[in-house]
Amino acid sequence: MLDDYLQRLTLRIAAALGNWSEQRRQREADYFLRQQQPDGGWRGREGGSDVYYTGFALRSLAVLGALRGAPAEKAGAFLRAKLTGRESIVDFLSLLMSGALLEISAGVDLYSSAGPQWRDAVANSLEQLRRPDGGYAKGMEGSISSTYHSFLVLLCRQLMERPIPEPERLVKFLLSQRAAEGGFLEIRLQKRAGTNPTAAALGALQMLGAMTLEIRDETIDFLVEMQTDEGGLRANTRIPIADLLSTFTGLVTLTDLEGLGELDLPAVQEFVKSLAQPDGGFSAAAWDPAGDVEYSFYGLGCMGLLGM
């Protein structure tokens, strides 16, 4: 089952897209179905089928009410083959989320062949990424904790119903990532806060019950400053161009903080609409001539959060 954080987000987007016409939802669903590969997975802009992109395709089909039948069965077969591999934490979260969505939407059990101790073994392996400051690194070789990957570990453990050990240590790490100008850093060596690590930090703090009014207000102010003349949100103050990923994560966070109305919402809507492709899907930003399943999910997510 999806944890509360992901379930709320998925249902919020799905409910908004449920107001679209059947024809419009089918057009978007067809975009993702056309991208499915013969092995049942989805690819990015190069290479073969990939767990990460497959996860975005399945999330998109789920919020469109189109995750069912043969495409879901084929996706399940592709992902089952990945259960015994050593995936990155990003891919592993995609695997867990995909498994939950396939079970809920299509009755496909991804873990039928996994042993009874599988979740415990995975939880123990994730704990090897923990560092002395209480956060989690990107990989075993990493020595520096990452805001984003700490958030991913928290999501993974909640999806597996394995609570994170010593949650107060993780809270302490996340608070140490706050930047002077507002927002949060991805790693402590960086000098500028970013939209995406800020969204990760706020999501984690909310799940850990560690939000404060001060952090809420500072974060709203920071994210509002990330809106560009294009209407979307940028990744950080050094990047002048808005992108769909930063716009989506910013909208998710501002919605949770009840600060969405602080943005120029008509401008955000125009930015998102400008990236929609005529045959379904979305491009990443103004510079992007094409699209992929990841950014197409962000596009659907933005439209859902904005009630478009």
Foldseek 3Di string as FASTA:
>chain_A
DAFPLVVVLLVLLLVLLVPDDLVVLVLQLVVLVVQQDPQLAGDWPDDDGALLLRLLSLSSCLSSLNCEDPSLVSNLNNLLVCLPDDDFLSSVLSSLSSQVSSCVRYVRHSCPPPDPCSLVVVLVVQCCQAAPQGAGPRDNPDRWHFLQSSLSNCSSCVSSVHHDPPVVSVLRSLVVQAAPQAAGPGTPVDNWHWLVSRLSSLSSCVVVVNDDPVNLVRNLVQQQVQQAPQQAGCTTPVDRFHWLVSRLSSLSSCVVSVNNVSHPLVSNVNQLVVQADPSHFGCTGPVGPDHGSNSRSSSSSNCSSSSD
